[in-house]
C-alpha atoms as a PDB file:
ATOM      1  CA  MET A   1       2.299  -0.040  16.070  1.00  0.00           C
ATOM      2  CA  MET A   2      -0.932  -1.135  14.448  1.00  0.00           C
ATOM      3  CA  TYR A   3      -3.895   0.549  12.780  1.00  0.00           C
ATOM      4  CA  ARG A   4      -7.363  -0.913  13.218  1.00  0.00           C
ATOM      5  CA  LEU A   5      -9.405  -1.187  10.003  1.00  0.00           C
ATOM      6  CA  ALA A   6     -13.154  -0.602   9.880  1.00  0.00           C
ATOM      7  CA  ASN A   7     -13.778  -4.360  10.270  1.00  0.00           C
ATOM      8  CA  ASP A   8     -11.472  -4.492  13.359  1.00  0.00           C
ATOM      9  CA  VAL A   9      -8.616  -6.222  11.542  1.00  0.00           C
ATOM     10  CA  LEU A  10      -5.242  -4.954  12.748  1.00  0.00           C
ATOM     11  CA  ILE A  11      -2.717  -3.872  10.138  1.00  0.00           C
ATOM     12  CA  PRO A  12       0.958  -3.015  10.846  1.00  0.00           C
ATOM     13  CA  ALA A  13       1.534   0.753  10.578  1.00  0.00           C
ATOM     14  CA  ILE A  14       4.512   0.463   8.217  1.00  0.00           C
ATOM     15  CA  GLY A  15       4.469  -1.751   5.139  1.00  0.00           C
ATOM     16  CA  PHE A  16       7.289  -3.051   2.975  1.00  0.00           C
ATOM     17  CA  GLY A  17       6.744  -2.140  -0.682  1.00  0.00           C
ATOM     18  CA  THR A  18       8.020  -4.370  -3.498  1.00  0.00           C
ATOM     19  CA  TRP A  19       7.333  -2.374  -6.663  1.00  0.00           C
ATOM     20  CA  GLU A  20      10.139  -2.915  -9.225  1.00  0.00           C
ATOM     21  CA  ALA A  21      11.654  -5.701  -7.126  1.00  0.00           C
ATOM     22  CA  THR A  22      11.615  -8.185  -9.995  1.00  0.00           C
ATOM     23  CA  ASP A  23      14.900 -10.029  -9.566  1.00  0.00           C
ATOM     24  CA  PRO A  24      13.786 -13.380  -8.047  1.00  0.00           C
ATOM     25  CA  GLU A  25      16.591 -13.794  -5.550  1.00  0.00           C
ATOM     26  CA  ILE A  26      16.900 -10.158  -4.496  1.00  0.00           C
ATOM     27  CA  CYS A  27      13.141  -9.793  -4.077  1.00  0.00           C
ATOM     28  CA  ALA A  28      12.800 -12.938  -1.938  1.00  0.00           C
ATOM     29  CA  ALA A  29      15.833 -12.021   0.155  1.00  0.00           C
ATOM     30  CA  SER A  30      14.549  -8.494   0.680  1.00  0.00           C
ATOM     31  CA  VAL A  31      11.148  -9.708   1.828  1.00  0.00           C
ATOM     32  CA  LYS A  32      12.765 -12.142   4.205  1.00  0.00           C
ATOM     33  CA  LEU A  33      15.036  -9.417   5.627  1.00  0.00           C
ATOM     34  CA  ALA A  34      12.097  -7.052   5.990  1.00  0.00           C
ATOM     35  CA  LEU A  35      10.219  -9.633   8.030  1.00  0.00           C
ATOM     36  CA  GLU A  36      13.322 -10.306  10.110  1.00  0.00           C
ATOM     37  CA  THR A  37      13.618  -6.563  10.700  1.00  0.00           C
ATOM     38  CA  GLY A  38      10.080  -6.447  12.002  1.00  0.00           C
ATOM     39  CA  TYR A  39       7.922  -5.052   9.237  1.00  0.00           C
ATOM     40  CA  GLY A  40       5.177  -7.710   9.394  1.00  0.00           C
ATOM     41  CA  HIS A  41       3.431  -6.165   6.388  1.00  0.00           C
ATOM     42  CA  ILE A  42       4.324  -6.966   2.780  1.00  0.00           C
ATOM     43  CA  ASP A  43       2.755  -5.209  -0.196  1.00  0.00           C
ATOM     44  CA  THR A  44       2.802  -6.569  -3.753  1.00  0.00           C
ATOM     45  CA  ALA A  45       0.553  -6.619  -6.839  1.00  0.00           C
ATOM     46  CA  LYS A  46       0.031  -8.650  -9.960  1.00  0.00           C
ATOM     47  CA  ILE A  47       1.461  -5.902 -12.180  1.00  0.00           C
ATOM     48  CA  TYR A  48       4.666  -5.917 -10.141  1.00  0.00           C
ATOM     49  CA  LYS A  49       5.337  -9.368 -11.617  1.00  0.00           C
ATOM     50  CA  ASN A  50       6.890 -10.572  -8.352  1.00  0.00           C
ATOM     51  CA  GLU A  51       4.103 -12.264  -6.363  1.00  0.00           C
ATOM     52  CA  GLU A  52       5.922 -15.617  -6.709  1.00  0.00           C
ATOM     53  CA  PHE A  53       9.166 -14.133  -5.421  1.00  0.00           C
ATOM     54  CA  VAL A  54       7.406 -12.367  -2.558  1.00  0.00           C
ATOM     55  CA  GLY A  55       5.779 -15.682  -1.640  1.00  0.00           C
ATOM     56  CA  LYS A  56       9.197 -17.385  -1.604  1.00  0.00           C
ATOM     57  CA  GLY A  57      10.547 -14.681   0.700  1.00  0.00           C
ATOM     58  CA  ILE A  58       7.653 -15.179   3.106  1.00  0.00           C
ATOM     59  CA  LYS A  59       8.092 -18.953   2.935  1.00  0.00           C
ATOM     60  CA  ALA A  60      11.801 -18.617   3.689  1.00  0.00           C
ATOM     61  CA  TRP A  61      11.046 -16.481   6.725  1.00  0.00           C
ATOM     62  CA  LEU A  62       8.419 -18.922   7.952  1.00  0.00           C
ATOM     63  CA  GLU A  63      10.827 -21.860   7.602  1.00  0.00           C
ATOM     64  CA  ALA A  64      13.649 -20.025   9.390  1.00  0.00           C
ATOM     65  CA  SER A  65      12.131 -20.487  12.817  1.00  0.00           C
ATOM     66  CA  PRO A  66       9.201 -22.362  14.375  1.00  0.00           C
ATOM     67  CA  GLU A  67       8.285 -19.103  16.114  1.00  0.00           C
ATOM     68  CA  ASN A  68       7.512 -17.452  12.787  1.00  0.00           C
ATOM     69  CA  LYS A  69       3.811 -17.805  12.011  1.00  0.00           C
ATOM     70  CA  ARG A  70       1.743 -16.986   8.902  1.00  0.00           C
ATOM     71  CA  GLU A  71      -0.674 -14.930  11.009  1.00  0.00           C
ATOM     72  CA  ASP A  72       2.212 -12.596  11.880  1.00  0.00           C
ATOM     73  CA  VAL A  73       2.592 -11.538   8.242  1.00  0.00           C
ATOM     74  CA  PHE A  74       0.059  -9.118   6.745  1.00  0.00           C
ATOM     75  CA  VAL A  75       0.092  -9.691   2.969  1.00  0.00           C
ATOM     76  CA  THR A  76      -1.444  -7.331   0.421  1.00  0.00           C
ATOM     77  CA  THR A  77      -1.823  -7.829  -3.314  1.00  0.00           C
ATOM     78  CA  LYS A  78      -3.857  -6.106  -5.989  1.00  0.00           C
ATOM     79  CA  LEU A  79      -6.196  -6.734  -8.914  1.00  0.00           C
ATOM     80  CA  TRP A  80      -4.680  -5.324 -12.090  1.00  0.00           C
ATOM     81  CA  ASN A  81      -6.716  -3.209 -14.498  1.00  0.00           C
ATOM     82  CA  ALA A  82      -6.935  -5.795 -17.282  1.00  0.00           C
ATOM     83  CA  GLY A  83      -8.515  -8.236 -14.853  1.00  0.00           C
ATOM     84  CA  GLN A  84     -11.422  -6.045 -13.787  1.00  0.00           C
ATOM     85  CA  GLY A  85     -14.902  -7.522 -13.943  1.00  0.00           C
ATOM     86  CA  TYR A  86     -16.745  -9.974 -11.692  1.00  0.00           C
ATOM     87  CA  ASP A  87     -15.651 -13.332 -13.079  1.00  0.00           C
ATOM     88  CA  SER A  88     -12.211 -12.173 -14.071  1.00  0.00           C
ATOM     89  CA  ALA A  89     -11.541 -10.656 -10.658  1.00  0.00           C
ATOM     90  CA  LEU A  90     -12.351 -13.989  -9.003  1.00  0.00           C
ATOM     91  CA  ALA A  91     -10.003 -15.787 -11.388  1.00  0.00           C
ATOM     92  CA  GLU A  92      -7.241 -13.219 -10.932  1.00  0.00           C
ATOM     93  CA  PHE A  93      -7.434 -13.600  -7.187  1.00  0.00           C
ATOM     94  CA  GLU A  94      -6.936 -17.355  -7.376  1.00  0.00           C
ATOM     95  CA  THR A  95      -3.938 -16.856  -9.666  1.00  0.00           C
ATOM     96  CA  SER A  96      -2.388 -14.449  -7.199  1.00  0.00           C
ATOM     97  CA  MET A  97      -2.989 -16.855  -4.320  1.00  0.00           C
ATOM     98  CA  LYS A  98      -1.195 -19.630  -6.178  1.00  0.00           C
ATOM     99  CA  LYS A  99       1.746 -17.435  -7.054  1.00  0.00           C
ATOM    100  CA  LEU A 100       2.047 -16.243  -3.444  1.00  0.00           C
ATOM    101  CA  GLY A 101       1.639 -19.815  -2.174  1.00  0.00           C
ATOM    102  CA  LEU A 102      -0.848 -18.703   0.459  1.00  0.00           C
ATOM    103  CA  ASP A 103      -4.220 -19.968   1.689  1.00  0.00           C
ATOM    104  CA  TYR A 104      -5.563 -16.494   2.198  1.00  0.00           C
ATOM    105  CA  VAL A 105      -4.596 -12.870   1.597  1.00  0.00           C
ATOM    106  CA  ASP A 106      -4.847 -10.216   4.327  1.00  0.00           C
ATOM    107  CA  LEU A 107      -5.748  -7.361   2.002  1.00  0.00           C
ATOM    108  CA  TYR A 108      -6.875  -7.315  -1.609  1.00  0.00           C
ATOM    109  CA  LEU A 109      -7.062  -3.997  -3.466  1.00  0.00           C
ATOM    110  CA  ILE A 110      -8.503  -2.743  -6.792  1.00  0.00           C
ATOM    111  CA  HIS A 111      -5.383  -1.184  -8.289  1.00  0.00           C
ATOM    112  CA  TRP A 112      -7.059   1.674 -10.199  1.00  0.00           C
ATOM    113  CA  PRO A 113     -10.598   2.932 -10.766  1.00  0.00           C
ATOM    114  CA  ASN A 114     -11.776   2.476 -14.343  1.00  0.00           C
ATOM    115  CA  THR A 115     -13.018   6.016 -14.673  1.00  0.00           C
ATOM    116  CA  LYS A 116     -14.219   5.523 -18.261  1.00  0.00           C
ATOM    117  CA  ARG A 117     -16.079   2.271 -17.535  1.00  0.00           C
ATOM    118  CA  MET A 118     -16.769   2.435 -13.794  1.00  0.00           C
ATOM    119  CA  GLN A 119     -19.147  -0.530 -14.068  1.00  0.00           C
ATOM    120  CA  THR A 120     -16.164  -2.856 -14.420  1.00  0.00           C
ATOM    121  CA  THR A 121     -14.813  -1.532 -11.109  1.00  0.00           C
ATOM    122  CA  ILE A 122     -18.197  -1.951  -9.487  1.00  0.00           C
ATOM    123  CA  ASP A 123     -18.374  -5.547 -10.781  1.00  0.00           C
ATOM    124  CA  SER A 124     -14.884  -6.170  -9.422  1.00  0.00           C
ATOM    125  CA  TRP A 125     -15.934  -4.877  -6.026  1.00  0.00           C
ATOM    126  CA  LYS A 126     -18.841  -7.269  -5.926  1.00  0.00           C
ATOM    127  CA  ALA A 127     -16.330 -10.090  -6.506  1.00  0.00           C
ATOM    128  CA  PHE A 128     -14.223  -8.692  -3.661  1.00  0.00           C
ATOM    129  CA  GLU A 129     -17.241  -8.767  -1.358  1.00  0.00           C
ATOM    130  CA  LYS A 130     -17.804 -12.425  -2.260  1.00  0.00           C
ATOM    131  CA  LEU A 131     -14.185 -13.335  -1.494  1.00  0.00           C
ATOM    132  CA  PHE A 132     -14.330 -11.392   1.779  1.00  0.00           C
ATOM    133  CA  THR A 133     -17.557 -13.119   2.808  1.00  0.00           C
ATOM    134  CA  GLU A 134     -15.957 -16.493   2.025  1.00  0.00           C
ATOM    135  CA  LYS A 135     -13.027 -15.474   4.306  1.00  0.00           C
ATOM    136  CA  LYS A 136     -10.436 -15.780   1.546  1.00  0.00           C
ATOM    137  CA  ILE A 137      -9.489 -12.182   2.275  1.00  0.00           C
ATOM    138  CA  ARG A 138      -9.341 -10.524   5.673  1.00  0.00           C
ATOM    139  CA  ALA A 139      -9.862  -6.960   4.369  1.00  0.00           C
ATOM    140  CA  ILE A 140     -10.681  -5.333   1.032  1.00  0.00           C
ATOM    141  CA  GLY A 141      -9.974  -1.934  -0.401  1.00  0.00           C
ATOM    142  CA  VAL A 142      -8.945   0.198  -3.369  1.00  0.00           C
ATOM    143  CA  CYS A 143      -6.031   2.174  -4.727  1.00  0.00           C
ATOM    144  CA  ASN A 144      -5.845   5.612  -6.383  1.00  0.00           C
ATOM    145  CA  PHE A 145      -9.440   6.578  -5.643  1.00  0.00           C
ATOM    146  CA  LYS A 146     -10.458  10.207  -5.472  1.00  0.00           C
ATOM    147  CA  PRO A 147     -13.647  11.204  -3.610  1.00  0.00           C
ATOM    148  CA  HIS A 148     -15.762  11.150  -6.782  1.00  0.00           C
ATOM    149  CA  HIS A 149     -14.694   7.548  -7.509  1.00  0.00           C
ATOM    150  CA  PHE A 150     -15.983   6.551  -4.070  1.00  0.00           C
ATOM    151  CA  GLU A 151     -19.206   8.389  -4.752  1.00  0.00           C
ATOM    152  CA  GLU A 152     -19.693   6.281  -7.867  1.00  0.00           C
ATOM    153  CA  LEU A 153     -18.806   3.029  -6.110  1.00  0.00           C
ATOM    154  CA  LEU A 154     -20.314   3.268  -2.666  1.00  0.00           C
ATOM    155  CA  PRO A 155     -24.059   3.169  -3.665  1.00  0.00           C
ATOM    156  CA  HIS A 156     -23.372  -0.292  -5.119  1.00  0.00           C
ATOM    157  CA  THR A 157     -21.563  -1.776  -2.103  1.00  0.00           C
ATOM    158  CA  THR A 158     -22.703  -3.840   0.847  1.00  0.00           C
ATOM    159  CA  ILE A 159     -19.176  -3.702   2.333  1.00  0.00           C
ATOM    160  CA  GLN A 160     -17.308  -0.414   2.264  1.00  0.00           C
ATOM    161  CA  PRO A 161     -13.658  -0.278   1.223  1.00  0.00           C
ATOM    162  CA  MET A 162     -11.386  -0.370   4.287  1.00  0.00           C
ATOM    163  CA  VAL A 163      -8.263   1.028   2.651  1.00  0.00           C
ATOM    164  CA  ASN A 164      -7.346   3.506  -0.095  1.00  0.00           C
ATOM    165  CA  GLN A 165      -3.725   3.289  -1.268  1.00  0.00           C
ATOM    166  CA  ILE A 166      -2.690   6.464  -3.048  1.00  0.00           C
ATOM    167  CA  GLU A 167       0.440   8.299  -4.173  1.00  0.00           C
ATOM    168  CA  LEU A 168       1.203  10.441  -1.163  1.00  0.00           C
ATOM    169  CA  HIS A 169       4.397  12.194  -0.127  1.00  0.00           C
ATOM    170  CA  PRO A 170       5.440  15.735   0.928  1.00  0.00           C
ATOM    171  CA  GLU A 171       5.084  17.107  -2.598  1.00  0.00           C
ATOM    172  CA  LEU A 172       1.646  15.502  -3.094  1.00  0.00           C
ATOM    173  CA  GLN A 173      -0.338  15.473   0.145  1.00  0.00           C
ATOM    174  CA  GLN A 174      -3.790  14.890  -1.352  1.00  0.00           C
ATOM    175  CA  GLU A 175      -5.565  16.699   1.488  1.00  0.00           C
ATOM    176  CA  GLU A 176      -9.050  16.434  -0.086  1.00  0.00           C
ATOM    177  CA  THR A 177      -8.831  12.658  -0.569  1.00  0.00           C
ATOM    178  CA  VAL A 178      -7.278  12.113   2.860  1.00  0.00           C
ATOM    179  CA  ALA A 179     -10.072  14.146   4.525  1.00  0.00           C
ATOM    180  CA  TYR A 180     -12.761  12.317   2.595  1.00  0.00           C
ATOM    181  CA  CYS A 181     -11.425   8.891   3.500  1.00  0.00           C
ATOM    182  CA  ARG A 182     -11.068   9.774   7.152  1.00  0.00           C
ATOM    183  CA  SER A 183     -14.703  10.909   7.156  1.00  0.00           C
ATOM    184  CA  LYS A 184     -15.647   7.440   5.910  1.00  0.00           C
ATOM    185  CA  GLY A 185     -13.309   5.459   8.218  1.00  0.00           C
ATOM    186  CA  ILE A 186     -11.102   4.414   5.327  1.00  0.00           C
ATOM    187  CA  LEU A 187      -7.374   4.031   6.088  1.00  0.00           C
ATOM    188  CA  ILE A 188      -4.967   5.869   3.800  1.00  0.00           C
ATOM    189  CA  GLU A 189      -1.865   4.011   2.656  1.00  0.00           C
ATOM    190  CA  ALA A 190       0.920   5.975   0.913  1.00  0.00           C
ATOM    191  CA  TRP A 191       2.704   4.545  -2.102  1.00  0.00           C
ATOM    192  CA  SER A 192       6.001   6.114  -3.145  1.00  0.00           C
ATOM    193  CA  PRO A 193       6.145   7.844   0.254  1.00  0.00           C
ATOM    194  CA  LEU A 194       9.841   8.561  -0.242  1.00  0.00           C
ATOM    195  CA  MET A 195       9.361  10.113  -3.700  1.00  0.00           C
ATOM    196  CA  ARG A 196      11.356   7.232  -5.168  1.00  0.00           C
ATOM    197  CA  GLY A 197      14.498   8.508  -3.509  1.00  0.00           C
ATOM    198  CA  ASN A 198      14.213  12.108  -4.744  1.00  0.00           C
ATOM    199  CA  LEU A 199      14.664  13.468  -1.239  1.00  0.00           C
ATOM    200  CA  THR A 200      16.694  16.609  -1.881  1.00  0.00           C
ATOM    201  CA  ASN A 201      14.654  19.385  -0.268  1.00  0.00           C
ATOM    202  CA  PRO A 202      15.970  22.112   2.035  1.00  0.00           C
ATOM    203  CA  ALA A 203      12.948  22.083   4.343  1.00  0.00           C
ATOM    204  CA  LEU A 204      13.003  18.284   4.744  1.00  0.00           C
ATOM    205  CA  GLU A 205      16.783  18.275   5.188  1.00  0.00           C
ATOM    206  CA  ALA A 206      16.502  20.902   7.930  1.00  0.00           C
ATOM    207  CA  VAL A 207      14.001  18.809   9.887  1.00  0.00           C
ATOM    208  CA  ALA A 208      16.154  15.713   9.445  1.00  0.00           C
ATOM    209  CA  LYS A 209      19.264  17.542  10.670  1.00  0.00           C
ATOM    210  CA  LYS A 210      17.392  18.854  13.698  1.00  0.00           C
ATOM    211  CA  HIS A 211      16.510  15.340  14.820  1.00  0.00           C
ATOM    212  CA  GLY A 212      19.672  13.615  13.655  1.00  0.00           C
ATOM    213  CA  LYS A 213      17.700  11.398  11.304  1.00  0.00           C
ATOM    214  CA  SER A 214      17.565  10.795   7.565  1.00  0.00           C
ATOM    215  CA  VAL A 215      15.096  12.588   5.371  1.00  0.00           C
ATOM    216  CA  ALA A 216      13.494   9.234   4.682  1.00  0.00           C
ATOM    217  CA  GLN A 217      12.962   8.589   8.410  1.00  0.00           C
ATOM    218  CA  VAL A 218      11.421  12.049   8.834  1.00  0.00           C
ATOM    219  CA  ILE A 219       8.940  11.492   5.971  1.00  0.00           C
ATOM    220  CA  LEU A 220       7.901   8.067   7.294  1.00  0.00           C
ATOM    221  CA  LYS A 221       7.506   9.500  10.809  1.00  0.00           C
ATOM    222  CA  TRP A 222       5.371  12.296   9.350  1.00  0.00           C
ATOM    223  CA  ASP A 223       3.133   9.682   7.742  1.00  0.00           C
ATOM    224  CA  VAL A 224       2.667   7.699  10.928  1.00  0.00           C
ATOM    225  CA  GLN A 225       2.074  10.779  13.096  1.00  0.00           C
ATOM    226  CA  ASN A 226      -0.641  11.744  10.626  1.00  0.00           C
ATOM    227  CA  GLY A 227      -2.330   8.342  10.800  1.00  0.00           C
ATOM    228  CA  ILE A 228      -1.120   7.331   7.332  1.00  0.00           C
ATOM    229  CA  LEU A 229       0.367   3.954   6.551  1.00  0.00           C
ATOM    230  CA  PRO A 230       3.559   4.342   4.401  1.00  0.00           C
ATOM    231  CA  LEU A 231       4.913   1.627   2.115  1.00  0.00           C
ATOM    232  CA  PRO A 232       8.626   2.339   1.686  1.00  0.00           C
ATOM    233  CA  LYS A 233      10.444   0.154  -0.809  1.00  0.00           C
ATOM    234  CA  SER A 234      14.112  -0.752  -0.941  1.00  0.00           C
ATOM    235  CA  VAL A 235      16.292  -3.731  -1.745  1.00  0.00           C
ATOM    236  CA  THR A 236      19.283  -2.254   0.045  1.00  0.00           C
ATOM    237  CA  PRO A 237      19.639  -3.978   3.435  1.00  0.00           C
ATOM    238  CA  SER A 238      20.794  -0.870   5.303  1.00  0.00           C
ATOM    239  CA  ARG A 239      17.850   1.195   4.007  1.00  0.00           C
ATOM    240  CA  ILE A 240      15.346  -1.561   4.701  1.00  0.00           C
ATOM    241  CA  LYS A 241      16.455  -1.414   8.333  1.00  0.00           C
ATOM    242  CA  GLU A 242      16.696   2.381   8.499  1.00  0.00           C
ATOM    243  CA  ASN A 243      13.229   2.878   7.106  1.00  0.00           C
ATOM    244  CA  PHE A 244      11.763   0.777   9.895  1.00  0.00           C
ATOM    245  CA  ASP A 245      13.699   2.550  12.651  1.00  0.00           C
ATOM    246  CA  LEU A 246      11.377   5.417  13.525  1.00  0.00           C
ATOM    247  CA  GLY A 247      11.783   5.424  17.304  1.00  0.00           C
ATOM    248  CA  GLY A 248      13.494   8.004  19.503  1.00  0.00           C
ATOM    249  CA  PHE A 249      12.040  11.179  17.968  1.00  0.00           C
ATOM    250  CA  THR A 250       8.771  13.011  17.479  1.00  0.00           C
ATOM    251  CA  LEU A 251       8.016  15.741  14.975  1.00  0.00           C
ATOM    252  CA  ASP A 252       6.768  18.898  16.664  1.00  0.00           C
ATOM    253  CA  ASP A 253       4.277  21.430  15.318  1.00  0.00           C
ATOM    254  CA  GLY A 254       7.013  23.393  13.614  1.00  0.00           C
ATOM    255  CA  ASP A 255       8.310  20.298  11.879  1.00  0.00           C
ATOM    256  CA  LEU A 256       4.828  19.336  10.696  1.00  0.00           C
ATOM    257  CA  ALA A 257       4.230  22.845   9.387  1.00  0.00           C
ATOM    258  CA  ALA A 258       7.517  22.803   7.498  1.00  0.00           C
ATOM    259  CA  ILE A 259       6.655  19.507   5.838  1.00  0.00           C
ATOM    260  CA  LYS A 260       3.086  20.651   5.068  1.00  0.00           C
ATOM    261  CA  ALA A 261       4.567  23.653   3.233  1.00  0.00           C
ATOM    262  CA  VAL A 262       6.486  21.347   0.889  1.00  0.00           C
ATOM    263  CA  ASN A 263       3.227  20.352  -0.821  1.00  0.00           C
ATOM    264  CA  ILE A 264       2.911  21.438  -4.445  1.00  0.00           C
ATOM    265  CA  ASP A 265       0.121  18.980  -5.438  1.00  0.00           C
ATOM    266  CA  LYS A 266       2.482  17.389  -7.975  1.00  0.00           C
ATOM    267  CA  ARG A 267       2.089  13.836  -9.182  1.00  0.00           C
ATOM    268  CA  ASN A 268       5.728  12.930  -9.607  1.00  0.00           C
ATOM    269  CA  PHE A 269       5.528   9.161 -10.030  1.00  0.00           C
ATOM    270  CA  GLY A 270       2.091   8.011 -11.088  1.00  0.00           C
ATOM    271  CA  ALA A 271      -0.785   8.795 -13.415  1.00  0.00           C
ATOM    272  CA  ASP A 272      -3.795  10.888 -12.526  1.00  0.00           C
ATOM    273  CA  PRO A 273      -6.536   8.335 -11.763  1.00  0.00           C
ATOM    274  CA  ASP A 274      -8.946  10.239 -13.957  1.00  0.00           C
ATOM    275  CA  THR A 275      -6.767   9.728 -17.031  1.00  0.00           C
ATOM    276  CA  MET A 276      -5.200   6.320 -16.220  1.00  0.00           C
ATOM    277  CA  ASN A 277      -6.042   3.941 -19.070  1.00  0.00           C
ATOM    278  CA  TYR A 278      -3.156   1.449 -19.068  1.00  0.00           C
ATOM    279  CA  GLY A 279      -4.531  -2.071 -18.952  1.00  0.00           C
ATOM    280  CA  PHE A 280      -8.178  -1.168 -19.173  1.00  0.00           C
ATOM    281  CA  ASP A 281      -8.066  -1.429 -22.954  1.00  0.00           C
ATOM    282  CA  LYS A 282      -7.462  -5.159 -22.478  1.00  0.00           C
ATOM    283  CA  ILE A 283     -10.867  -5.722 -20.829  1.00  0.00           C
ATOM    284  CA  LYS A 284     -13.180  -7.593 -23.147  1.00  0.00           C
END
């Protein structure tokens, strides 16, 4: 299954997350296995400190068979906070490209809005537009933006963000941000969709039991049925495969209502974008 971005680029509906996958061999092997499993979409970031290992995993998969092509892998990486600004964003992108060992990136994202100095984020976006126009990136977007961050950015854009990657899971459904992005044609991606493995919840467990699936599979199915792109992360081979196996069942209205009721608007795993300051203090 694919989603179509606003610029008509197709993006696989389930991505493979790599946050905290910092062991070189395990990270590369996990990326290779994910591609072998069928993910076709790998998500990394400079701050994950694993772009090089992700690149090695992609390279290993490409070299495993002549049928494996670079165009069949959708690769995302992100500009870290300390690198925001026009010139620095351009330099940071080139560094990420070298670490990944790629000639282009499919999606490049601003990792966080600099709420206290939004001009640095605006300047970064102008650099993104330049890279996109030069066809070094197939799509551009942001992470962790609330509607008011978009309202500050959009008047200064010539190309609108195509993606917003946010913390989104049953306990934090971010309905306002999701609705806003949909009204603008911006695809929502969910980071930490599986609540970092904290899946003990009676309502979710009941839905999973009903369908004979794991809670993780139910959550990921819920994302996809709602038009959201989840980015599950695991380095355990059995879970990598399980998280991709979402066929054979559909959540009905009762299931969807039960999952909706789990929402408590709680940020379990990330900062509030309005108070996030880590890295921004390094900008000169």
